[in-house]
Structures are given as structure tokens and as C-alpha cells.
Amino acid sequence: MMNTKSTDYKKHDKNKYSDIGKILYEFSTPEFVKQKRGQLWFIILGICVISGVIVGIFTDALSVVLLSIMIGFIYTITHNQEPKDIYTAFTDIGMQYKDKFYPYQNIEKFWIFYVPHQQKTLHIFIKNGRLRQEIAIHIKSQKINKIRETLGYYIPEDEDAKEPMQNMLARKLKL
């Protein structure tokens, strides 16, 4: 078992995860990355919300008015939320993430997105019948090479993967 700098995972009830195999690497990770948004960001958000409401009123589109108000409301409320720590463990038979266990035979591939001093994200693709589920795990101070080595032994890494456009846009706009 590899110890990480963060010891938040030690708070988790180990008995809850007793049947996940031998733990090779474990850590806690934030539920989401809290974006630092300044006053200008909220001013621009306010202008966009008011513009959406005005456009919705003049075009008789109640849905645009409601959507604009909801977007402003949601971003204002989530701004003050703190991310919860999520327990993550890689074992000899699968991956524990949140309260769900994914055996390696159900994991298609993984890739790691890394922008120095900005973002480190582990992307796991789960085979779920015809659907493909992607789990994005924010990596704090964990060692990327240890994660790559541990997962690479059991599942293939997609070394050609690129950041999807919607993720890049959300990161740049601090959404």
C-alpha cells in the first residue's frame, strides 16, 4: 500500500470496503475543483443572466427566462459550497470510487489530463453495456506516475486522448 501526502482517506470506514481486494494505492480527492471566481466573473454572469431574461421577454420565450434565472441562481449558490472528499482506491481486482466498486474487467481504458499548475484529472472509461460512462477524478497531490503504473498493469492507457472541447471551455470560463 502506498501512502499519499493527503491522509483524508484514513477517515473512511475501511470495513465498508472489505471485499475490494488488496489495496495497491488509495487517496482522497475533492468532489470537484473549486474555481476562484472574482468580482468581474460575477458581474459578467449577472449581465448574461439579465440579457437572457430580456431576450426571453422580448421573444416570448418563458423557457429562456427561466433557464437564465436558474443558471444565475445555481452558480451563485454553488460558489459557496465546499467540495466533499471522495475515497478512491486501486486494488488488485478493481477500483473503488465513492461508494461503488468497478472491477477491472468493466473498465475499458484510462487517460490522465495534466496542465501544470492548473489541473490534473484521471479519466476512467467504464463499460456499461452499450453505454460508456466516464469518471473524471481530480488528482491533488497524488503521484501521477504511481497511478499510471498501478492502473496500466490492469487496463490500457489511451495515450492519444485529448481534452474534450466542452471540458476545455468549462475550465477556461471557470464554470
Protein backbone atom coordinates (compact mmCIF):
# COMPACT_ATOMS: atom_id res chain seq x y z
CA MET A 1 0.00 0.00 0.00
CA MET A 2 1.32 3.39 -0.98
CA ASN A 3 0.81 6.28 1.41
CA THR A 4 -0.03 9.66 -0.05
CA LYS A 5 0.61 13.10 1.33
CA SER A 6 -3.11 13.53 1.98
CA THR A 7 -4.37 11.43 4.87
CA ASP A 8 -8.06 12.30 4.50
CA TYR A 9 -8.77 8.79 3.19
CA LYS A 10 -7.90 7.41 6.64
CA LYS A 11 -11.16 8.89 7.94
CA HIS A 12 -13.16 6.44 5.82
CA ASP A 13 -14.62 3.28 7.32
CA LYS A 14 -12.34 0.52 6.00
CA ASN A 15 -14.88 -2.17 6.94
CA LYS A 16 -17.27 -0.68 4.40
CA TYR A 17 -14.81 -1.59 1.63
CA SER A 18 -13.68 -5.01 2.92
CA ASP A 19 -14.35 -7.03 -0.25
CA ILE A 20 -12.47 -4.89 -2.78
CA GLY A 21 -9.22 -6.88 -2.75
CA LYS A 22 -5.72 -5.86 -1.77
CA ILE A 23 -5.34 -2.08 -1.83
CA LEU A 24 -2.42 -1.01 -4.03
CA TYR A 25 -2.93 2.76 -3.93
CA GLU A 26 -5.52 4.89 -2.15
CA PHE A 27 -6.21 8.57 -1.67
CA SER A 28 -8.97 11.08 -1.17
CA THR A 29 -9.87 13.54 -3.86
CA PRO A 30 -12.18 16.55 -3.97
CA GLU A 31 -15.65 16.03 -5.42
CA PHE A 32 -14.99 18.99 -7.71
CA VAL A 33 -12.34 21.64 -8.14
CA LYS A 34 -13.48 24.89 -6.59
CA GLN A 35 -12.88 27.65 -9.09
CA LYS A 36 -11.64 31.03 -7.95
CA ARG A 37 -14.09 33.49 -9.42
CA GLY A 38 -13.54 37.17 -8.91
CA GLN A 39 -16.00 40.03 -8.82
CA LEU A 40 -15.65 40.56 -12.59
CA TRP A 41 -16.76 36.95 -13.23
CA PHE A 42 -19.98 37.53 -11.26
CA ILE A 43 -20.59 40.87 -12.99
CA ILE A 44 -20.34 39.14 -16.37
CA LEU A 45 -22.63 36.35 -15.11
CA GLY A 46 -25.14 38.97 -13.98
CA ILE A 47 -25.02 40.69 -17.39
CA CYS A 48 -25.57 37.33 -19.13
CA VAL A 49 -28.50 36.44 -16.85
CA ILE A 50 -30.15 39.86 -17.33
CA SER A 51 -29.55 39.65 -21.10
CA GLY A 52 -31.13 36.19 -21.18
CA VAL A 53 -34.15 37.43 -19.26
CA ILE A 54 -34.57 40.44 -21.57
CA VAL A 55 -34.21 38.33 -24.73
CA GLY A 56 -36.68 35.79 -23.30
CA ILE A 57 -39.22 38.51 -22.51
CA PHE A 58 -38.99 40.16 -25.95
CA THR A 59 -39.22 36.83 -27.80
CA ASP A 60 -41.99 35.45 -25.57
CA ALA A 61 -39.76 32.54 -24.59
CA LEU A 62 -40.55 31.78 -20.97
CA SER A 63 -38.11 28.86 -21.05
CA VAL A 64 -35.20 31.23 -21.83
CA VAL A 65 -36.20 33.48 -18.95
CA LEU A 66 -36.42 30.55 -16.53
CA LEU A 67 -33.18 28.99 -17.77
CA SER A 68 -31.30 32.29 -17.40
CA ILE A 69 -32.56 32.78 -13.85
CA MET A 70 -31.76 29.15 -12.93
CA ILE A 71 -28.20 29.40 -14.28
CA GLY A 72 -27.51 32.55 -12.27
CA PHE A 73 -29.09 31.07 -9.16
CA ILE A 74 -27.20 27.76 -9.40
CA TYR A 75 -23.78 29.36 -9.94
CA THR A 76 -24.35 31.80 -7.10
CA ILE A 77 -25.34 29.02 -4.68
CA THR A 78 -22.58 26.59 -5.69
CA HIS A 79 -19.96 29.32 -5.33
CA ASN A 80 -20.14 28.96 -1.55
CA GLN A 81 -20.17 25.15 -1.48
CA GLU A 82 -17.07 23.29 -0.35
CA PRO A 83 -16.21 20.04 -2.16
CA LYS A 84 -16.54 16.80 -0.21
CA ASP A 85 -13.62 14.38 -0.09
CA ILE A 86 -14.16 11.21 -2.09
CA TYR A 87 -12.38 7.98 -1.22
CA THR A 88 -10.58 6.38 -4.18
CA ALA A 89 -8.63 3.13 -4.13
CA PHE A 90 -6.99 0.96 -6.77
CA THR A 91 -6.81 -2.68 -5.76
CA ASP A 92 -5.63 -5.91 -7.32
CA ILE A 93 -9.16 -6.61 -8.64
CA GLY A 94 -10.68 -3.20 -9.38
CA MET A 95 -11.26 0.41 -8.43
CA GLN A 96 -13.27 1.81 -5.51
CA TYR A 97 -14.66 5.29 -6.21
CA LYS A 98 -17.18 6.90 -3.89
CA ASP A 99 -19.39 4.04 -2.71
CA LYS A 100 -19.11 1.98 -5.89
CA PHE A 101 -16.64 -0.72 -6.88
CA TYR A 102 -15.63 -1.20 -10.54
CA PRO A 103 -13.88 -4.49 -11.40
CA TYR A 104 -11.07 -4.06 -13.93
CA GLN A 105 -12.90 -6.20 -16.50
CA ASN A 106 -15.60 -3.47 -16.56
CA ILE A 107 -13.08 -0.69 -17.16
CA GLU A 108 -12.30 -0.06 -20.82
CA LYS A 109 -9.35 2.35 -20.54
CA PHE A 110 -7.99 5.37 -18.72
CA TRP A 111 -6.08 8.54 -19.51
CA ILE A 112 -4.61 11.37 -17.49
CA PHE A 113 -5.08 15.04 -18.37
CA TYR A 114 -2.40 17.29 -16.96
CA VAL A 115 -1.95 21.06 -17.25
CA PRO A 116 0.95 22.13 -15.00
CA HIS A 117 -0.16 24.24 -12.01
CA GLN A 118 -3.79 24.16 -13.19
CA GLN A 119 -5.35 20.74 -13.47
CA LYS A 120 -4.64 17.03 -13.06
CA THR A 121 -7.53 14.75 -13.93
CA LEU A 122 -7.72 10.97 -14.23
CA HIS A 123 -10.37 9.86 -16.73
CA ILE A 124 -11.72 6.31 -16.38
CA PHE A 125 -13.99 4.81 -19.05
CA ILE A 126 -16.42 2.21 -17.70
CA LYS A 127 -18.05 -0.38 -19.97
CA ASN A 128 -21.73 -0.39 -19.09
CA GLY A 129 -23.49 -2.42 -21.77
CA ARG A 130 -23.94 -0.18 -24.78
CA LEU A 131 -23.41 2.95 -22.74
CA ARG A 132 -19.96 4.25 -21.93
CA GLN A 133 -19.59 6.02 -18.62
CA GLU A 134 -16.68 8.35 -17.96
CA ILE A 135 -15.50 9.09 -14.45
CA ALA A 136 -13.29 12.16 -14.03
CA ILE A 137 -11.24 12.04 -10.84
CA HIS A 138 -9.48 15.24 -9.80
CA ILE A 139 -5.98 14.50 -8.61
CA LYS A 140 -4.49 16.74 -5.93
CA SER A 141 -1.02 15.85 -4.75
CA GLN A 142 -1.07 12.20 -5.77
CA LYS A 143 1.75 10.88 -7.87
CA ILE A 144 0.63 10.60 -11.49
CA ASN A 145 3.31 8.01 -12.28
CA LYS A 146 2.16 5.74 -9.43
CA ILE A 147 -1.45 5.96 -10.63
CA ARG A 148 -0.36 5.32 -14.23
CA GLU A 149 1.78 2.35 -13.14
CA THR A 150 -0.95 0.81 -10.97
CA LEU A 151 -3.77 1.16 -13.50
CA GLY A 152 -1.55 0.41 -16.51
CA TYR A 153 -0.88 -3.06 -15.16
CA TYR A 154 -4.60 -3.93 -15.36
CA ILE A 155 -6.13 -1.72 -18.07
CA PRO A 156 -4.81 0.10 -21.14
CA GLU A 157 -3.96 3.79 -21.12
CA ASP A 158 -5.20 5.92 -24.02
CA GLU A 159 -2.09 7.98 -24.63
CA ASP A 160 -3.64 9.80 -27.62
CA ALA A 161 -6.66 11.13 -25.72
CA LYS A 162 -7.22 14.87 -25.84
CA GLU A 163 -9.25 17.12 -23.58
CA PRO A 164 -12.82 17.38 -24.91
CA MET A 165 -13.83 20.83 -26.13
CA GLN A 166 -16.58 21.22 -23.51
CA ASN A 167 -14.10 20.45 -20.70
CA MET A 168 -11.60 22.97 -22.07
CA LEU A 169 -14.32 25.61 -22.40
CA ALA A 170 -15.58 24.95 -18.85
CA ARG A 171 -12.02 25.16 -17.49
CA LYS A 172 -11.25 28.41 -19.31
CA LEU A 173 -14.57 30.01 -18.31
CA LYS A 174 -14.26 28.73 -14.72
CA LEU A 175 -17.63 27.00 -14.87
